[in-house]
Amino acid sequence: MKETVIPDTNVILRYLMKDAPEHYVEADAFFDKVYEGKVNAVILECVIAECVYVMGKLYKIPRAAISEHLIELLNYRGISNTDRNDLISALKLYSLNALDIADCIAAAKAYGMGAKLFSFDKELNKAFNKLNKDK
């Protein structure tokens, strides 16, 4: 049975940003194994949220590019998240709206569960309703 690893935010950021050479080498080797399916990895939703926050605020990366990079990572063969589709939906929603990533995750999880979303945020409700119309 393959080992499952949970990478933290810094490992993902060093891999995607390539800004700390000594850490990038290790992160790249790890994600090469994940890409090939030799290692199973689970990327927690709190880690996705923190990556989005840091990439947007610190690195000033546009929403669409943040989503694209993280969706690509979530599609690696060794990613074994049971909520992969929800996280991908959340990232797509994030790239198309001015919503916080936490709201996008809540909407995508509610949608994935077939649940209703209870929110006072009109923009979030609009985005959630659009998800349901696009079924």
C-alpha atoms as a PDB file:
ATOM      1  CA  MET A   1       0.000   0.000   0.000  1.00  0.00           C
ATOM      2  CA  LYS A   2       1.293   3.453  -0.941  1.00  0.00           C
ATOM      3  CA  GLU A   3       2.080   6.002   1.693  1.00  0.00           C
ATOM      4  CA  THR A   4      -0.215   9.030   1.859  1.00  0.00           C
ATOM      5  CA  VAL A   5       1.356  12.415   2.483  1.00  0.00           C
ATOM      6  CA  ILE A   6      -0.314  15.715   3.356  1.00  0.00           C
ATOM      7  CA  PRO A   7       1.822  18.578   2.036  1.00  0.00           C
ATOM      8  CA  ASP A   8       1.532  21.898   3.824  1.00  0.00           C
ATOM      9  CA  THR A   9       1.117  25.302   2.224  1.00  0.00           C
ATOM     10  CA  ASN A  10       4.848  26.057   2.116  1.00  0.00           C
ATOM     11  CA  VAL A  11       5.654  22.879   0.208  1.00  0.00           C
ATOM     12  CA  ILE A  12       3.023  23.710  -2.413  1.00  0.00           C
ATOM     13  CA  LEU A  13       4.105  27.341  -2.642  1.00  0.00           C
ATOM     14  CA  ARG A  14       7.802  26.463  -3.004  1.00  0.00           C
ATOM     15  CA  TYR A  15       6.839  24.009  -5.772  1.00  0.00           C
ATOM     16  CA  LEU A  16       4.628  26.445  -7.655  1.00  0.00           C
ATOM     17  CA  MET A  17       6.617  29.649  -7.066  1.00  0.00           C
ATOM     18  CA  LYS A  18      10.128  28.144  -7.403  1.00  0.00           C
ATOM     19  CA  ASP A  19      11.378  30.976  -5.210  1.00  0.00           C
ATOM     20  CA  ALA A  20      13.485  29.029  -2.710  1.00  0.00           C
ATOM     21  CA  PRO A  21      15.821  26.769  -4.722  1.00  0.00           C
ATOM     22  CA  GLU A  22      16.759  24.414  -1.880  1.00  0.00           C
ATOM     23  CA  HIS A  23      13.099  23.816  -0.993  1.00  0.00           C
ATOM     24  CA  TYR A  24      11.956  23.752  -4.613  1.00  0.00           C
ATOM     25  CA  VAL A  25      14.228  20.787  -5.366  1.00  0.00           C
ATOM     26  CA  GLU A  26      12.616  18.712  -2.602  1.00  0.00           C
ATOM     27  CA  ALA A  27       9.089  19.860  -3.414  1.00  0.00           C
ATOM     28  CA  ASP A  28       9.628  19.161  -7.122  1.00  0.00           C
ATOM     29  CA  ALA A  29      10.885  15.635  -6.408  1.00  0.00           C
ATOM     30  CA  PHE A  30       7.868  15.002  -4.183  1.00  0.00           C
ATOM     31  CA  PHE A  31       5.326  16.328  -6.687  1.00  0.00           C
ATOM     32  CA  ASP A  32       6.998  14.384  -9.528  1.00  0.00           C
ATOM     33  CA  LYS A  33       6.155  11.225  -7.571  1.00  0.00           C
ATOM     34  CA  VAL A  34       2.618  12.472  -6.944  1.00  0.00           C
ATOM     35  CA  TYR A  35       2.207  13.347 -10.623  1.00  0.00           C
ATOM     36  CA  GLU A  36       3.278   9.826 -11.598  1.00  0.00           C
ATOM     37  CA  GLY A  37       1.045   8.234  -8.952  1.00  0.00           C
ATOM     38  CA  LYS A  38       3.970   6.757  -7.020  1.00  0.00           C
ATOM     39  CA  VAL A  39       2.939   8.676  -3.884  1.00  0.00           C
ATOM     40  CA  ASN A  40      -0.571   9.488  -2.723  1.00  0.00           C
ATOM     41  CA  ALA A  41      -1.158  12.988  -1.456  1.00  0.00           C
ATOM     42  CA  VAL A  42      -4.123  14.748   0.085  1.00  0.00           C
ATOM     43  CA  ILE A  43      -4.272  18.520  -0.165  1.00  0.00           C
ATOM     44  CA  LEU A  44      -6.424  19.858   2.621  1.00  0.00           C
ATOM     45  CA  GLU A  45      -8.952  22.584   1.878  1.00  0.00           C
ATOM     46  CA  CYS A  46      -7.332  24.848   4.495  1.00  0.00           C
ATOM     47  CA  VAL A  47      -4.049  24.485   2.591  1.00  0.00           C
ATOM     48  CA  ILE A  48      -5.781  25.361  -0.700  1.00  0.00           C
ATOM     49  CA  ALA A  49      -7.296  28.423   0.985  1.00  0.00           C
ATOM     50  CA  GLU A  50      -3.953  29.553   2.369  1.00  0.00           C
ATOM     51  CA  CYS A  51      -2.231  29.003  -0.994  1.00  0.00           C
ATOM     52  CA  VAL A  52      -4.881  31.139  -2.695  1.00  0.00           C
ATOM     53  CA  TYR A  53      -4.481  33.862  -0.097  1.00  0.00           C
ATOM     54  CA  VAL A  54      -0.666  33.964  -0.253  1.00  0.00           C
ATOM     55  CA  MET A  55      -0.485  33.721  -4.039  1.00  0.00           C
ATOM     56  CA  GLY A  56      -2.977  36.557  -4.419  1.00  0.00           C
ATOM     57  CA  LYS A  57      -1.880  38.901  -1.651  1.00  0.00           C
ATOM     58  CA  LEU A  58       1.873  38.340  -1.476  1.00  0.00           C
ATOM     59  CA  TYR A  59       2.726  37.289  -5.029  1.00  0.00           C
ATOM     60  CA  LYS A  60      -0.039  39.347  -6.712  1.00  0.00           C
ATOM     61  CA  ILE A  61      -0.960  36.475  -9.018  1.00  0.00           C
ATOM     62  CA  PRO A  62      -4.300  36.937 -10.816  1.00  0.00           C
ATOM     63  CA  ARG A  63      -7.237  34.774  -9.708  1.00  0.00           C
ATOM     64  CA  ALA A  64      -7.409  32.851 -12.985  1.00  0.00           C
ATOM     65  CA  ALA A  65      -3.721  31.890 -12.799  1.00  0.00           C
ATOM     66  CA  ILE A  66      -4.000  30.864  -9.143  1.00  0.00           C
ATOM     67  CA  SER A  67      -6.947  28.637  -9.986  1.00  0.00           C
ATOM     68  CA  GLU A  68      -5.225  27.187 -13.026  1.00  0.00           C
ATOM     69  CA  HIS A  69      -2.072  26.223 -11.081  1.00  0.00           C
ATOM     70  CA  LEU A  70      -3.954  24.661  -8.171  1.00  0.00           C
ATOM     71  CA  ILE A  71      -6.435  22.811 -10.407  1.00  0.00           C
ATOM     72  CA  GLU A  72      -3.538  21.381 -12.378  1.00  0.00           C
ATOM     73  CA  LEU A  73      -1.968  20.186  -9.123  1.00  0.00           C
ATOM     74  CA  LEU A  74      -5.248  18.651  -7.934  1.00  0.00           C
ATOM     75  CA  ASN A  75      -5.384  16.658 -11.170  1.00  0.00           C
ATOM     76  CA  TYR A  76      -2.080  14.865 -10.544  1.00  0.00           C
ATOM     77  CA  ARG A  77      -2.515  11.095 -10.590  1.00  0.00           C
ATOM     78  CA  GLY A  78      -1.454  10.642  -6.962  1.00  0.00           C
ATOM     79  CA  ILE A  79      -3.848  13.194  -5.477  1.00  0.00           C
ATOM     80  CA  SER A  80      -6.295  11.119  -3.486  1.00  0.00           C
ATOM     81  CA  ASN A  81      -8.634  13.775  -2.112  1.00  0.00           C
ATOM     82  CA  THR A  82     -12.191  12.543  -1.802  1.00  0.00           C
ATOM     83  CA  ASP A  83     -13.238  16.180  -2.246  1.00  0.00           C
ATOM     84  CA  ARG A  84     -11.108  16.818  -5.345  1.00  0.00           C
ATOM     85  CA  ASN A  85     -14.090  17.715  -7.541  1.00  0.00           C
ATOM     86  CA  ASP A  86     -15.443  20.110  -4.905  1.00  0.00           C
ATOM     87  CA  LEU A  87     -12.081  21.856  -4.595  1.00  0.00           C
ATOM     88  CA  ILE A  88     -11.753  22.147  -8.361  1.00  0.00           C
ATOM     89  CA  SER A  89     -15.278  23.598  -8.545  1.00  0.00           C
ATOM     90  CA  ALA A  90     -14.379  26.042  -5.764  1.00  0.00           C
ATOM     91  CA  LEU A  91     -11.252  27.172  -7.614  1.00  0.00           C
ATOM     92  CA  LYS A  92     -13.212  27.636 -10.840  1.00  0.00           C
ATOM     93  CA  LEU A  93     -15.805  29.669  -8.947  1.00  0.00           C
ATOM     94  CA  TYR A  94     -13.010  31.717  -7.359  1.00  0.00           C
ATOM     95  CA  SER A  95     -11.519  32.513 -10.759  1.00  0.00           C
ATOM     96  CA  LEU A  96     -14.843  33.794 -12.090  1.00  0.00           C
ATOM     97  CA  ASN A  97     -16.027  35.885  -9.133  1.00  0.00           C
ATOM     98  CA  ALA A  98     -14.790  38.390  -6.582  1.00  0.00           C
ATOM     99  CA  LEU A  99     -15.644  35.967  -3.767  1.00  0.00           C
ATOM    100  CA  ASP A 100     -13.313  34.800  -1.019  1.00  0.00           C
ATOM    101  CA  ILE A 101     -11.960  31.294  -1.490  1.00  0.00           C
ATOM    102  CA  ALA A 102     -13.638  30.160   1.747  1.00  0.00           C
ATOM    103  CA  ASP A 103     -17.026  31.172   0.335  1.00  0.00           C
ATOM    104  CA  CYS A 104     -16.234  29.400  -2.925  1.00  0.00           C
ATOM    105  CA  ILE A 105     -15.325  26.227  -1.030  1.00  0.00           C
ATOM    106  CA  ALA A 106     -18.552  26.420   0.997  1.00  0.00           C
ATOM    107  CA  ALA A 107     -20.624  26.846  -2.171  1.00  0.00           C
ATOM    108  CA  ALA A 108     -18.838  24.039  -4.008  1.00  0.00           C
ATOM    109  CA  LYS A 109     -19.131  21.672  -1.033  1.00  0.00           C
ATOM    110  CA  ALA A 110     -22.852  22.450  -0.644  1.00  0.00           C
ATOM    111  CA  TYR A 111     -23.350  21.887  -4.360  1.00  0.00           C
ATOM    112  CA  GLY A 112     -21.363  18.629  -4.268  1.00  0.00           C
ATOM    113  CA  MET A 113     -23.451  17.358  -1.352  1.00  0.00           C
ATOM    114  CA  GLY A 114     -26.722  18.376  -2.976  1.00  0.00           C
ATOM    115  CA  ALA A 115     -27.316  20.685  -0.021  1.00  0.00           C
ATOM    116  CA  LYS A 116     -28.673  24.195   0.099  1.00  0.00           C
ATOM    117  CA  LEU A 117     -26.345  27.073   0.866  1.00  0.00           C
ATOM    118  CA  PHE A 118     -27.490  29.471   3.583  1.00  0.00           C
ATOM    119  CA  SER A 119     -25.757  32.812   3.185  1.00  0.00           C
ATOM    120  CA  PHE A 120     -26.551  36.496   3.539  1.00  0.00           C
ATOM    121  CA  ASP A 121     -23.979  37.263   0.816  1.00  0.00           C
ATOM    122  CA  LYS A 122     -25.967  38.105  -2.331  1.00  0.00           C
ATOM    123  CA  GLU A 123     -23.007  37.548  -4.674  1.00  0.00           C
ATOM    124  CA  LEU A 124     -22.306  34.154  -3.130  1.00  0.00           C
ATOM    125  CA  ASN A 125     -25.952  33.152  -3.459  1.00  0.00           C
ATOM    126  CA  LYS A 126     -25.898  34.248  -7.113  1.00  0.00           C
ATOM    127  CA  ALA A 127     -22.788  32.166  -7.799  1.00  0.00           C
ATOM    128  CA  PHE A 128     -24.273  29.154  -5.984  1.00  0.00           C
ATOM    129  CA  ASN A 129     -27.528  29.442  -7.914  1.00  0.00           C
ATOM    130  CA  LYS A 130     -25.554  29.580 -11.160  1.00  0.00           C
ATOM    131  CA  LEU A 131     -23.801  26.335 -10.179  1.00  0.00           C
ATOM    132  CA  ASN A 132     -27.188  24.694  -9.748  1.00  0.00           C
ATOM    133  CA  LYS A 133     -28.497  26.053 -13.065  1.00  0.00           C
ATOM    134  CA  ASP A 134     -25.424  24.778 -14.909  1.00  0.00           C
ATOM    135  CA  LYS A 135     -26.128  21.172 -13.863  1.00  0.00           C
END
